[in-house]
Amino acid sequence: MTADEVDAYLALLEEPKKSTLEALRRSILEVVPDAQECISYGMPAFRVGGKVVAGFAAFTNHLAYLPHSGTVLADLGDALEDYEHTSGSLHFAVDQPLPDELVRRLVEAKLARLG
């Protein structure tokens, strides 16, 4: 499992989904620059110390940030009030990347849970 697999996943996407997820990828790697990029459950993901700490996916009408946890999104509370989400998936528009600061908070919340 390598970054090449993530590249291949992104290469199959149309714009603006592709560039929006590329921006998210860069944001995640700014927080965890040594993360191993891989595919987990058929979607791009980032591993730190062997544990998946973040992921993303493209869907028909939205994109999703995946914390690979059912509790991380609840930890951020009001910071996510402008986004639709489930317990394990934060949805955002295909043409609006998540703000870097929000990505930092999401990844750091997951890392804290791994403690």
PDB file of N, CA and C in Angstrom:
ATOM      1  N   MET A   1       0.837  -1.181   0.000  1.00  0.00           N
ATOM      2  CA  MET A   1       0.000   0.000   0.000  1.00  0.00           C
ATOM      3  C   MET A   1       0.878   1.239   0.000  1.00  0.00           C
ATOM      4  N   THR A   2       0.680   2.073  -0.995  1.00  0.00           N
ATOM      5  CA  THR A   2       1.559   3.224  -1.154  1.00  0.00           C
ATOM      6  C   THR A   2       0.792   4.460  -1.581  1.00  0.00           C
ATOM      7  N   ALA A   3       1.509   5.579  -1.599  1.00  0.00           N
ATOM      8  CA  ALA A   3       0.938   6.830  -2.089  1.00  0.00           C
ATOM      9  C   ALA A   3       0.519   6.695  -3.547  1.00  0.00           C
ATOM     10  N   ASP A   4       1.160   5.787  -4.287  1.00  0.00           N
ATOM     11  CA  ASP A   4       0.776   5.575  -5.690  1.00  0.00           C
ATOM     12  C   ASP A   4      -0.671   5.124  -5.805  1.00  0.00           C
ATOM     13  N   GLU A   5      -1.141   4.347  -4.851  1.00  0.00           N
ATOM     14  CA  GLU A   5      -2.530   3.898  -4.863  1.00  0.00           C
ATOM     15  C   GLU A   5      -3.485   5.070  -4.631  1.00  0.00           C
ATOM     16  N   VAL A   6      -3.076   5.995  -3.785  1.00  0.00           N
ATOM     17  CA  VAL A   6      -3.889   7.194  -3.559  1.00  0.00           C
ATOM     18  C   VAL A   6      -3.889   8.038  -4.833  1.00  0.00           C
ATOM     19  N   ASP A   7      -2.725   8.161  -5.472  1.00  0.00           N
ATOM     20  CA  ASP A   7      -2.650   8.878  -6.750  1.00  0.00           C
ATOM     21  C   ASP A   7      -3.610   8.261  -7.768  1.00  0.00           C
ATOM     22  N   ALA A   8      -3.645   6.944  -7.823  1.00  0.00           N
ATOM     23  CA  ALA A   8      -4.516   6.245  -8.776  1.00  0.00           C
ATOM     24  C   ALA A   8      -5.991   6.514  -8.457  1.00  0.00           C
ATOM     25  N   TYR A   9      -6.344   6.514  -7.181  1.00  0.00           N
ATOM     26  CA  TYR A   9      -7.719   6.817  -6.772  1.00  0.00           C
ATOM     27  C   TYR A   9      -8.103   8.222  -7.245  1.00  0.00           C
ATOM     28  N   LEU A  10      -7.234   9.184  -6.981  1.00  0.00           N
ATOM     29  CA  LEU A  10      -7.518  10.570  -7.353  1.00  0.00           C
ATOM     30  C   LEU A  10      -7.568  10.752  -8.869  1.00  0.00           C
ATOM     31  N   ALA A  11      -6.747  10.019  -9.582  1.00  0.00           N
ATOM     32  CA  ALA A  11      -6.700  10.153 -11.045  1.00  0.00           C
ATOM     33  C   ALA A  11      -8.028   9.779 -11.701  1.00  0.00           C
ATOM     34  N   LEU A  12      -8.807   8.952 -11.053  1.00  0.00           N
ATOM     35  CA  LEU A  12     -10.091   8.522 -11.599  1.00  0.00           C
ATOM     36  C   LEU A  12     -11.219   9.533 -11.393  1.00  0.00           C
ATOM     37  N   LEU A  13     -10.973  10.545 -10.586  1.00  0.00           N
ATOM     38  CA  LEU A  13     -12.013  11.516 -10.260  1.00  0.00           C
ATOM     39  C   LEU A  13     -12.057  12.662 -11.258  1.00  0.00           C
ATOM     40  N   GLU A  14     -13.256  13.194 -11.453  1.00  0.00           N
ATOM     41  CA  GLU A  14     -13.412  14.374 -12.286  1.00  0.00           C
ATOM     42  C   GLU A  14     -13.210  15.618 -11.406  1.00  0.00           C
ATOM     43  N   GLU A  15     -12.968  16.742 -12.076  1.00  0.00           N
ATOM     44  CA  GLU A  15     -12.885  18.012 -11.375  1.00  0.00           C
ATOM     45  C   GLU A  15     -14.299  18.498 -11.059  1.00  0.00           C
ATOM     46  N   PRO A  16     -14.508  19.195  -9.970  1.00  0.00           N
ATOM     47  CA  PRO A  16     -13.527  19.683  -9.017  1.00  0.00           C
ATOM     48  C   PRO A  16     -13.236  18.716  -7.868  1.00  0.00           C
ATOM     49  N   LYS A  17     -13.838  17.525  -7.891  1.00  0.00           N
ATOM     50  CA  LYS A  17     -13.600  16.564  -6.808  1.00  0.00           C
ATOM     51  C   LYS A  17     -12.115  16.271  -6.636  1.00  0.00           C
ATOM     52  N   LYS A  18     -11.430  16.057  -7.751  1.00  0.00           N
ATOM     53  CA  LYS A  18     -10.016  15.691  -7.696  1.00  0.00           C
ATOM     54  C   LYS A  18      -9.189  16.759  -6.988  1.00  0.00           C
ATOM     55  N   SER A  19      -9.285  17.998  -7.416  1.00  0.00           N
ATOM     56  CA  SER A  19      -8.452  19.045  -6.824  1.00  0.00           C
ATOM     57  C   SER A  19      -8.861  19.341  -5.379  1.00  0.00           C
ATOM     58  N   THR A  20     -10.133  19.198  -5.059  1.00  0.00           N
ATOM     59  CA  THR A  20     -10.581  19.424  -3.681  1.00  0.00           C
ATOM     60  C   THR A  20      -9.999  18.355  -2.758  1.00  0.00           C
ATOM     61  N   LEU A  21     -10.000  17.103  -3.194  1.00  0.00           N
ATOM     62  CA  LEU A  21      -9.413  16.042  -2.362  1.00  0.00           C
ATOM     63  C   LEU A  21      -7.893  16.116  -2.341  1.00  0.00           C
ATOM     64  N   GLU A  22      -7.276  16.599  -3.405  1.00  0.00           N
ATOM     65  CA  GLU A  22      -5.819  16.803  -3.380  1.00  0.00           C
ATOM     66  C   GLU A  22      -5.457  17.856  -2.335  1.00  0.00           C
ATOM     67  N   ALA A  23      -6.281  18.896  -2.214  1.00  0.00           N
ATOM     68  CA  ALA A  23      -6.046  19.919  -1.189  1.00  0.00           C
ATOM     69  C   ALA A  23      -6.191  19.309   0.208  1.00  0.00           C
ATOM     70  N   LEU A  24      -7.185  18.454   0.399  1.00  0.00           N
ATOM     71  CA  LEU A  24      -7.359  17.784   1.688  1.00  0.00           C
ATOM     72  C   LEU A  24      -6.163  16.887   1.986  1.00  0.00           C
ATOM     73  N   ARG A  25      -5.695  16.182   0.991  1.00  0.00           N
ATOM     74  CA  ARG A  25      -4.523  15.315   1.164  1.00  0.00           C
ATOM     75  C   ARG A  25      -3.331  16.131   1.656  1.00  0.00           C
ATOM     76  N   ARG A  26      -3.090  17.277   1.026  1.00  0.00           N
ATOM     77  CA  ARG A  26      -1.979  18.137   1.449  1.00  0.00           C
ATOM     78  C   ARG A  26      -2.174  18.617   2.882  1.00  0.00           C
ATOM     79  N   SER A  27      -3.397  18.982   3.233  1.00  0.00           N
ATOM     80  CA  SER A  27      -3.684  19.452   4.595  1.00  0.00           C
ATOM     81  C   SER A  27      -3.412  18.368   5.632  1.00  0.00           C
ATOM     82  N   ILE A  28      -3.830  17.158   5.336  1.00  0.00           N
ATOM     83  CA  ILE A  28      -3.583  16.043   6.265  1.00  0.00           C
ATOM     84  C   ILE A  28      -2.083  15.812   6.418  1.00  0.00           C
ATOM     85  N   LEU A  29      -1.371  15.824   5.304  1.00  0.00           N
ATOM     86  CA  LEU A  29       0.077  15.570   5.357  1.00  0.00           C
ATOM     87  C   LEU A  29       0.839  16.701   6.040  1.00  0.00           C
ATOM     88  N   GLU A  30       0.280  17.901   6.079  1.00  0.00           N
ATOM     89  CA  GLU A  30       0.908  18.983   6.843  1.00  0.00           C
ATOM     90  C   GLU A  30       0.863  18.676   8.333  1.00  0.00           C
ATOM     91  N   VAL A  31      -0.191  18.012   8.779  1.00  0.00           N
ATOM     92  CA  VAL A  31      -0.343  17.671  10.188  1.00  0.00           C
ATOM     93  C   VAL A  31       0.490  16.439  10.537  1.00  0.00           C
ATOM     94  N   VAL A  32       0.484  15.454   9.662  1.00  0.00           N
ATOM     95  CA  VAL A  32       1.216  14.200   9.898  1.00  0.00           C
ATOM     96  C   VAL A  32       2.103  13.901   8.676  1.00  0.00           C
ATOM     97  N   PRO A  33       3.189  14.667   8.520  1.00  0.00           N
ATOM     98  CA  PRO A  33       4.017  14.535   7.316  1.00  0.00           C
ATOM     99  C   PRO A  33       4.651  13.154   7.126  1.00  0.00           C
ATOM    100  N   ASP A  34       4.790  12.404   8.189  1.00  0.00           N
ATOM    101  CA  ASP A  34       5.400  11.080   8.084  1.00  0.00           C
ATOM    102  C   ASP A  34       4.371   9.966   7.949  1.00  0.00           C
ATOM    103  N   ALA A  35       3.113  10.325   7.771  1.00  0.00           N
ATOM    104  CA  ALA A  35       2.060   9.311   7.648  1.00  0.00           C
ATOM    105  C   ALA A  35       2.291   8.452   6.413  1.00  0.00           C
ATOM    106  N   GLN A  36       1.937   7.199   6.533  1.00  0.00           N
ATOM    107  CA  GLN A  36       1.977   6.277   5.391  1.00  0.00           C
ATOM    108  C   GLN A  36       0.640   6.383   4.680  1.00  0.00           C
ATOM    109  N   GLU A  37       0.677   6.722   3.397  1.00  0.00           N
ATOM    110  CA  GLU A  37      -0.548   6.782   2.612  1.00  0.00           C
ATOM    111  C   GLU A  37      -0.884   5.376   2.137  1.00  0.00           C
ATOM    112  N   CYS A  38      -2.174   5.069   2.177  1.00  0.00           N
ATOM    113  CA  CYS A  38      -2.601   3.729   1.792  1.00  0.00           C
ATOM    114  C   CYS A  38      -4.072   3.771   1.355  1.00  0.00           C
ATOM    115  N   ILE A  39      -4.585   2.628   1.021  1.00  0.00           N
ATOM    116  CA  ILE A  39      -6.009   2.466   0.750  1.00  0.00           C
ATOM    117  C   ILE A  39      -6.570   1.589   1.868  1.00  0.00           C
ATOM    118  N   SER A  40      -7.623   2.078   2.513  1.00  0.00           N
ATOM    119  CA  SER A  40      -8.279   1.335   3.585  1.00  0.00           C
ATOM    120  C   SER A  40      -9.770   1.320   3.286  1.00  0.00           C
ATOM    121  N   TYR A  41     -10.355   0.140   3.243  1.00  0.00           N
ATOM    122  CA  TYR A  41     -11.770  -0.003   2.888  1.00  0.00           C
ATOM    123  C   TYR A  41     -12.064   0.622   1.526  1.00  0.00           C
ATOM    124  N   GLY A  42     -11.103   0.552   0.610  1.00  0.00           N
ATOM    125  CA  GLY A  42     -11.288   1.054  -0.746  1.00  0.00           C
ATOM    126  C   GLY A  42     -11.144   2.555  -0.900  1.00  0.00           C
ATOM    127  N   MET A  43     -10.707   3.248   0.174  1.00  0.00           N
ATOM    128  CA  MET A  43     -10.601   4.699   0.146  1.00  0.00           C
ATOM    129  C   MET A  43      -9.220   5.141   0.631  1.00  0.00           C
ATOM    130  N   PRO A  44      -8.727   6.278   0.147  1.00  0.00           N
ATOM    131  CA  PRO A  44      -7.434   6.780   0.610  1.00  0.00           C
ATOM    132  C   PRO A  44      -7.437   7.000   2.122  1.00  0.00           C
ATOM    133  N   ALA A  45      -6.315   6.642   2.746  1.00  0.00           N
ATOM    134  CA  ALA A  45      -6.191   6.770   4.191  1.00  0.00           C
ATOM    135  C   ALA A  45      -4.739   7.069   4.544  1.00  0.00           C
ATOM    136  N   PHE A  46      -4.546   7.454   5.803  1.00  0.00           N
ATOM    137  CA  PHE A  46      -3.232   7.839   6.301  1.00  0.00           C
ATOM    138  C   PHE A  46      -2.988   7.117   7.613  1.00  0.00           C
ATOM    139  N   ARG A  47      -1.876   6.392   7.677  1.00  0.00           N
ATOM    140  CA  ARG A  47      -1.536   5.619   8.875  1.00  0.00           C
ATOM    141  C   ARG A  47      -0.365   6.273   9.612  1.00  0.00           C
ATOM    142  N   VAL A  48      -0.486   6.284  10.929  1.00  0.00           N
ATOM    143  CA  VAL A  48       0.590   6.741  11.805  1.00  0.00           C
ATOM    144  C   VAL A  48       0.770   5.648  12.842  1.00  0.00           C
ATOM    145  N   GLY A  49       1.974   5.137  12.944  1.00  0.00           N
ATOM    146  CA  GLY A  49       2.221   4.060  13.897  1.00  0.00           C
ATOM    147  C   GLY A  49       1.360   2.842  13.649  1.00  0.00           C
ATOM    148  N   GLY A  50       1.032   2.586  12.384  1.00  0.00           N
ATOM    149  CA  GLY A  50       0.235   1.429  12.019  1.00  0.00           C
ATOM    150  C   GLY A  50      -1.268   1.622  12.169  1.00  0.00           C
ATOM    151  N   LYS A  51      -1.701   2.770  12.685  1.00  0.00           N
ATOM    152  CA  LYS A  51      -3.130   3.043  12.897  1.00  0.00           C
ATOM    153  C   LYS A  51      -3.616   4.082  11.894  1.00  0.00           C
ATOM    154  N   VAL A  52      -4.785   3.860  11.320  1.00  0.00           N
ATOM    155  CA  VAL A  52      -5.364   4.830  10.401  1.00  0.00           C
ATOM    156  C   VAL A  52      -5.858   6.026  11.215  1.00  0.00           C
ATOM    157  N   VAL A  53      -5.385   7.226  10.827  1.00  0.00           N
ATOM    158  CA  VAL A  53      -5.765   8.437  11.563  1.00  0.00           C
ATOM    159  C   VAL A  53      -6.673   9.362  10.753  1.00  0.00           C
ATOM    160  N   ALA A  54      -6.766   9.137   9.455  1.00  0.00           N
ATOM    161  CA  ALA A  54      -7.608   9.985   8.608  1.00  0.00           C
ATOM    162  C   ALA A  54      -7.808   9.299   7.271  1.00  0.00           C
ATOM    163  N   GLY A  55      -8.857   9.719   6.595  1.00  0.00           N
ATOM    164  CA  GLY A  55      -9.111   9.218   5.252  1.00  0.00           C
ATOM    165  C   GLY A  55     -10.092  10.129   4.552  1.00  0.00           C
ATOM    166  N   PHE A  56     -10.286   9.862   3.281  1.00  0.00           N
ATOM    167  CA  PHE A  56     -11.261  10.648   2.528  1.00  0.00           C
ATOM    168  C   PHE A  56     -11.830   9.817   1.403  1.00  0.00           C
ATOM    169  N   ALA A  57     -12.934  10.315   0.849  1.00  0.00           N
ATOM    170  CA  ALA A  57     -13.584   9.595  -0.247  1.00  0.00           C
ATOM    171  C   ALA A  57     -14.445  10.559  -1.050  1.00  0.00           C
ATOM    172  N   ALA A  58     -14.662  10.185  -2.299  1.00  0.00           N
ATOM    173  CA  ALA A  58     -15.552  10.937  -3.183  1.00  0.00           C
ATOM    174  C   ALA A  58     -16.833  10.149  -3.382  1.00  0.00           C
ATOM    175  N   PHE A  59     -17.946  10.859  -3.333  1.00  0.00           N
ATOM    176  CA  PHE A  59     -19.248  10.277  -3.582  1.00  0.00           C
ATOM    177  C   PHE A  59     -19.936  11.080  -4.676  1.00  0.00           C
ATOM    178  N   THR A  60     -21.088  10.665  -5.104  1.00  0.00           N
ATOM    179  CA  THR A  60     -21.765  11.318  -6.218  1.00  0.00           C
ATOM    180  C   THR A  60     -21.986  12.806  -5.985  1.00  0.00           C
ATOM    181  N   ASN A  61     -22.521  13.165  -4.823  1.00  0.00           N
ATOM    182  CA  ASN A  61     -22.904  14.554  -4.584  1.00  0.00           C
ATOM    183  C   ASN A  61     -22.118  15.263  -3.492  1.00  0.00           C
ATOM    184  N   HIS A  62     -21.134  14.599  -2.919  1.00  0.00           N
ATOM    185  CA  HIS A  62     -20.329  15.226  -1.872  1.00  0.00           C
ATOM    186  C   HIS A  62     -19.003  14.493  -1.722  1.00  0.00           C
ATOM    187  N   LEU A  63     -18.142  15.086  -0.922  1.00  0.00           N
ATOM    188  CA  LEU A  63     -16.888  14.451  -0.529  1.00  0.00           C
ATOM    189  C   LEU A  63     -16.976  14.179   0.964  1.00  0.00           C
ATOM    190  N   ALA A  64     -16.098  13.320   1.464  1.00  0.00           N
ATOM    191  CA  ALA A  64     -16.152  12.996   2.888  1.00  0.00           C
ATOM    192  C   ALA A  64     -14.754  12.898   3.484  1.00  0.00           C
ATOM    193  N   TYR A  65     -14.637  13.414   4.692  1.00  0.00           N
ATOM    194  CA  TYR A  65     -13.467  13.212   5.525  1.00  0.00           C
ATOM    195  C   TYR A  65     -13.838  12.090   6.475  1.00  0.00           C
ATOM    196  N   LEU A  66     -12.947  11.128   6.613  1.00  0.00           N
ATOM    197  CA  LEU A  66     -13.232   9.955   7.428  1.00  0.00           C
ATOM    198  C   LEU A  66     -12.201   9.835   8.546  1.00  0.00           C
ATOM    199  N   PRO A  67     -12.600  10.034   9.791  1.00  0.00           N
ATOM    200  CA  PRO A  67     -11.646   9.936  10.897  1.00  0.00           C
ATOM    201  C   PRO A  67     -11.354   8.496  11.326  1.00  0.00           C
ATOM    202  N   HIS A  68     -12.047   7.535  10.736  1.00  0.00           N
ATOM    203  CA  HIS A  68     -11.901   6.119  11.117  1.00  0.00           C
ATOM    204  C   HIS A  68     -12.112   5.954  12.618  1.00  0.00           C
ATOM    205  N   SER A  69     -13.159   6.632  13.093  1.00  0.00           N
ATOM    206  CA  SER A  69     -13.550   6.580  14.498  1.00  0.00           C
ATOM    207  C   SER A  69     -14.997   7.045  14.589  1.00  0.00           C
ATOM    208  N   GLY A  70     -15.742   6.461  15.480  1.00  0.00           N
ATOM    209  CA  GLY A  70     -17.117   6.885  15.681  1.00  0.00           C
ATOM    210  C   GLY A  70     -17.265   7.988  16.705  1.00  0.00           C
ATOM    211  N   THR A  71     -16.145   8.467  17.262  1.00  0.00           N
ATOM    212  CA  THR A  71     -16.229   9.472  18.326  1.00  0.00           C
ATOM    213  C   THR A  71     -15.498  10.779  18.018  1.00  0.00           C
ATOM    214  N   VAL A  72     -14.574  10.777  17.096  1.00  0.00           N
ATOM    215  CA  VAL A  72     -13.769  11.971  16.817  1.00  0.00           C
ATOM    216  C   VAL A  72     -14.634  13.155  16.407  1.00  0.00           C
ATOM    217  N   LEU A  73     -15.602  12.953  15.541  1.00  0.00           N
ATOM    218  CA  LEU A  73     -16.419  14.078  15.084  1.00  0.00           C
ATOM    219  C   LEU A  73     -17.212  14.680  16.236  1.00  0.00           C
ATOM    220  N   ALA A  74     -17.687  13.862  17.152  1.00  0.00           N
ATOM    221  CA  ALA A  74     -18.408  14.369  18.317  1.00  0.00           C
ATOM    222  C   ALA A  74     -17.484  15.209  19.191  1.00  0.00           C
ATOM    223  N   ASP A  75     -16.199  14.894  19.216  1.00  0.00           N
ATOM    224  CA  ASP A  75     -15.233  15.656  20.006  1.00  0.00           C
ATOM    225  C   ASP A  75     -15.128  17.102  19.546  1.00  0.00           C
ATOM    226  N   LEU A  76     -15.405  17.362  18.260  1.00  0.00           N
ATOM    227  CA  LEU A  76     -15.246  18.713  17.725  1.00  0.00           C
ATOM    228  C   LEU A  76     -16.504  19.557  17.830  1.00  0.00           C
ATOM    229  N   GLY A  77     -17.612  18.954  18.157  1.00  0.00           N
ATOM    230  CA  GLY A  77     -18.850  19.669  18.451  1.00  0.00           C
ATOM    231  C   GLY A  77     -19.192  20.793  17.494  1.00  0.00           C
ATOM    232  N   ASP A  78     -19.245  22.021  18.021  1.00  0.00           N
ATOM    233  CA  ASP A  78     -19.694  23.186  17.263  1.00  0.00           C
ATOM    234  C   ASP A  78     -18.820  23.501  16.057  1.00  0.00           C
ATOM    235  N   ALA A  79     -17.583  23.051  16.033  1.00  0.00           N
ATOM    236  CA  ALA A  79     -16.701  23.318  14.895  1.00  0.00           C
ATOM    237  C   ALA A  79     -17.238  22.699  13.610  1.00  0.00           C
ATOM    238  N   LEU A  80     -18.143  21.748  13.747  1.00  0.00           N
ATOM    239  CA  LEU A  80     -18.686  21.047  12.582  1.00  0.00           C
ATOM    240  C   LEU A  80     -20.132  21.444  12.272  1.00  0.00           C
ATOM    241  N   GLU A  81     -20.628  22.482  12.925  1.00  0.00           N
ATOM    242  CA  GLU A  81     -22.044  22.822  12.773  1.00  0.00           C
ATOM    243  C   GLU A  81     -22.433  23.212  11.352  1.00  0.00           C
ATOM    244  N   ASP A  82     -21.477  23.642  10.535  1.00  0.00           N
ATOM    245  CA  ASP A  82     -21.775  24.030   9.154  1.00  0.00           C
ATOM    246  C   ASP A  82     -21.711  22.862   8.170  1.00  0.00           C
ATOM    247  N   TYR A  83     -21.452  21.663   8.686  1.00  0.00           N
ATOM    248  CA  TYR A  83     -21.277  20.493   7.834  1.00  0.00           C
ATOM    249  C   TYR A  83     -22.270  19.402   8.196  1.00  0.00           C
ATOM    250  N   GLU A  84     -22.702  18.662   7.186  1.00  0.00           N
ATOM    251  CA  GLU A  84     -23.468  17.455   7.450  1.00  0.00           C
ATOM    252  C   GLU A  84     -22.479  16.369   7.855  1.00  0.00           C
ATOM    253  N   HIS A  85     -22.888  15.520   8.775  1.00  0.00           N
ATOM    254  CA  HIS A  85     -22.005  14.429   9.175  1.00  0.00           C
ATOM    255  C   HIS A  85     -22.778  13.325   9.859  1.00  0.00           C
ATOM    256  N   THR A  86     -22.154  12.169   9.861  1.00  0.00           N
ATOM    257  CA  THR A  86     -22.633  11.034  10.630  1.00  0.00           C
ATOM    258  C   THR A  86     -21.619  10.862  11.758  1.00  0.00           C
ATOM    259  N   SER A  87     -21.706   9.816  12.511  1.00  0.00           N
ATOM    260  CA  SER A  87     -20.722   9.624  13.575  1.00  0.00           C
ATOM    261  C   SER A  87     -19.332   9.335  13.021  1.00  0.00           C
ATOM    262  N   GLY A  88     -19.255   8.855  11.777  1.00  0.00           N
ATOM    263  CA  GLY A  88     -17.954   8.481  11.231  1.00  0.00           C
ATOM    264  C   GLY A  88     -17.590   9.095   9.903  1.00  0.00           C
ATOM    265  N   SER A  89     -18.316  10.160   9.475  1.00  0.00           N
ATOM    266  CA  SER A  89     -18.076  10.737   8.155  1.00  0.00           C
ATOM    267  C   SER A  89     -18.503  12.202   8.132  1.00  0.00           C
ATOM    268  N   LEU A  90     -17.571  13.078   7.777  1.00  0.00           N
ATOM    269  CA  LEU A  90     -17.855  14.506   7.655  1.00  0.00           C
ATOM    270  C   LEU A  90     -18.014  14.836   6.181  1.00  0.00           C
ATOM    271  N   HIS A  91     -19.175  15.334   5.788  1.00  0.00           N
ATOM    272  CA  HIS A  91     -19.465  15.593   4.378  1.00  0.00           C
ATOM    273  C   HIS A  91     -19.191  17.058   4.043  1.00  0.00           C
ATOM    274  N   PHE A  92     -18.633  17.283   2.850  1.00  0.00           N
ATOM    275  CA  PHE A  92     -18.390  18.648   2.405  1.00  0.00           C
ATOM    276  C   PHE A  92     -18.538  18.729   0.894  1.00  0.00           C
ATOM    277  N   ALA A  93     -18.674  19.958   0.406  1.00  0.00           N
ATOM    278  CA  ALA A  93     -18.953  20.201  -1.011  1.00  0.00           C
ATOM    279  C   ALA A  93     -17.791  19.774  -1.898  1.00  0.00           C
ATOM    280  N   VAL A  94     -18.113  19.376  -3.115  1.00  0.00           N
ATOM    281  CA  VAL A  94     -17.097  18.884  -4.049  1.00  0.00           C
ATOM    282  C   VAL A  94     -16.134  19.976  -4.493  1.00  0.00           C
ATOM    283  N   ASP A  95     -16.501  21.236  -4.294  1.00  0.00           N
ATOM    284  CA  ASP A  95     -15.653  22.328  -4.759  1.00  0.00           C
ATOM    285  C   ASP A  95     -15.163  23.240  -3.638  1.00  0.00           C
ATOM    286  N   GLN A  96     -15.272  22.788  -2.388  1.00  0.00           N
ATOM    287  CA  GLN A  96     -14.838  23.601  -1.252  1.00  0.00           C
ATOM    288  C   GLN A  96     -14.025  22.756  -0.273  1.00  0.00           C
ATOM    289  N   PRO A  97     -12.706  22.825  -0.369  1.00  0.00           N
ATOM    290  CA  PRO A  97     -11.875  22.049   0.559  1.00  0.00           C
ATOM    291  C   PRO A  97     -12.145  22.428   2.014  1.00  0.00           C
ATOM    292  N   LEU A  98     -11.941  21.491   2.902  1.00  0.00           N
ATOM    293  CA  LEU A  98     -12.060  21.793   4.322  1.00  0.00           C
ATOM    294  C   LEU A  98     -10.950  22.764   4.710  1.00  0.00           C
ATOM    295  N   PRO A  99     -11.232  23.708   5.598  1.00  0.00           N
ATOM    296  CA  PRO A  99     -10.188  24.633   6.053  1.00  0.00           C
ATOM    297  C   PRO A  99      -9.044  23.871   6.725  1.00  0.00           C
ATOM    298  N   ASP A 100      -7.824  24.338   6.488  1.00  0.00           N
ATOM    299  CA  ASP A 100      -6.638  23.672   7.056  1.00  0.00           C
ATOM    300  C   ASP A 100      -6.738  23.535   8.572  1.00  0.00           C
ATOM    301  N   GLU A 101      -7.228  24.569   9.246  1.00  0.00           N
ATOM    302  CA  GLU A 101      -7.324  24.526  10.709  1.00  0.00           C
ATOM    303  C   GLU A 101      -8.295  23.444  11.164  1.00  0.00           C
ATOM    304  N   LEU A 102      -9.390  23.265  10.440  1.00  0.00           N
ATOM    305  CA  LEU A 102     -10.340  22.206  10.791  1.00  0.00           C
ATOM    306  C   LEU A 102      -9.702  20.833  10.578  1.00  0.00           C
ATOM    307  N   VAL A 103      -8.973  20.664   9.494  1.00  0.00           N
ATOM    308  CA  VAL A 103      -8.289  19.389   9.234  1.00  0.00           C
ATOM    309  C   VAL A 103      -7.295  19.109  10.360  1.00  0.00           C
ATOM    310  N   ARG A 104      -6.563  20.132  10.770  1.00  0.00           N
ATOM    311  CA  ARG A 104      -5.609  19.964  11.880  1.00  0.00           C
ATOM    312  C   ARG A 104      -6.348  19.483  13.134  1.00  0.00           C
ATOM    313  N   ARG A 105      -7.445  20.105  13.451  1.00  0.00           N
ATOM    314  CA  ARG A 105      -8.199  19.720  14.646  1.00  0.00           C
ATOM    315  C   ARG A 105      -8.732  18.296  14.539  1.00  0.00           C
ATOM    316  N   LEU A 106      -9.199  17.908  13.358  1.00  0.00           N
ATOM    317  CA  LEU A 106      -9.713  16.547  13.145  1.00  0.00           C
ATOM    318  C   LEU A 106      -8.621  15.510  13.342  1.00  0.00           C
ATOM    319  N   VAL A 107      -7.471  15.733  12.700  1.00  0.00           N
ATOM    320  CA  VAL A 107      -6.377  14.771  12.810  1.00  0.00           C
ATOM    321  C   VAL A 107      -5.844  14.715  14.227  1.00  0.00           C
ATOM    322  N   GLU A 108      -5.675  15.870  14.857  1.00  0.00           N
ATOM    323  CA  GLU A 108      -5.158  15.896  16.227  1.00  0.00           C
ATOM    324  C   GLU A 108      -6.127  15.231  17.196  1.00  0.00           C
ATOM    325  N   ALA A 109      -7.435  15.359  16.960  1.00  0.00           N
ATOM    326  CA  ALA A 109      -8.417  14.691  17.822  1.00  0.00           C
ATOM    327  C   ALA A 109      -8.275  13.176  17.716  1.00  0.00           C
ATOM    328  N   LYS A 110      -8.036  12.688  16.517  1.00  0.00           N
ATOM    329  CA  LYS A 110      -7.848  11.236  16.336  1.00  0.00           C
ATOM    330  C   LYS A 110      -6.540  10.788  16.984  1.00  0.00           C
ATOM    331  N   LEU A 111      -5.472  11.554  16.785  1.00  0.00           N
ATOM    332  CA  LEU A 111      -4.186  11.202  17.390  1.00  0.00           C
ATOM    333  C   LEU A 111      -4.295  11.172  18.922  1.00  0.00           C
ATOM    334  N   ALA A 112      -5.036  12.101  19.492  1.00  0.00           N
ATOM    335  CA  ALA A 112      -5.219  12.141  20.951  1.00  0.00           C
ATOM    336  C   ALA A 112      -5.938  10.893  21.434  1.00  0.00           C
ATOM    337  N   ARG A 113      -6.870  10.386  20.650  1.00  0.00           N
ATOM    338  CA  ARG A 113      -7.599   9.175  21.033  1.00  0.00           C
ATOM    339  C   ARG A 113      -6.700   7.935  20.983  1.00  0.00           C
ATOM    340  N   LEU A 114      -5.669   8.008  20.124  1.00  0.00           N
ATOM    341  CA  LEU A 114      -4.739   6.880  20.053  1.00  0.00           C
ATOM    342  C   LEU A 114      -3.774   6.893  21.223  1.00  0.00           C
ATOM    343  N   GLY A 115      -3.565   8.119  21.756  1.00  0.00           N
ATOM    344  CA  GLY A 115      -2.741   8.416  22.910  1.00  0.00           C
ATOM    345  C   GLY A 115      -1.642   7.532  23.187  1.00  0.00           C
TER     346      GLY A 115
END
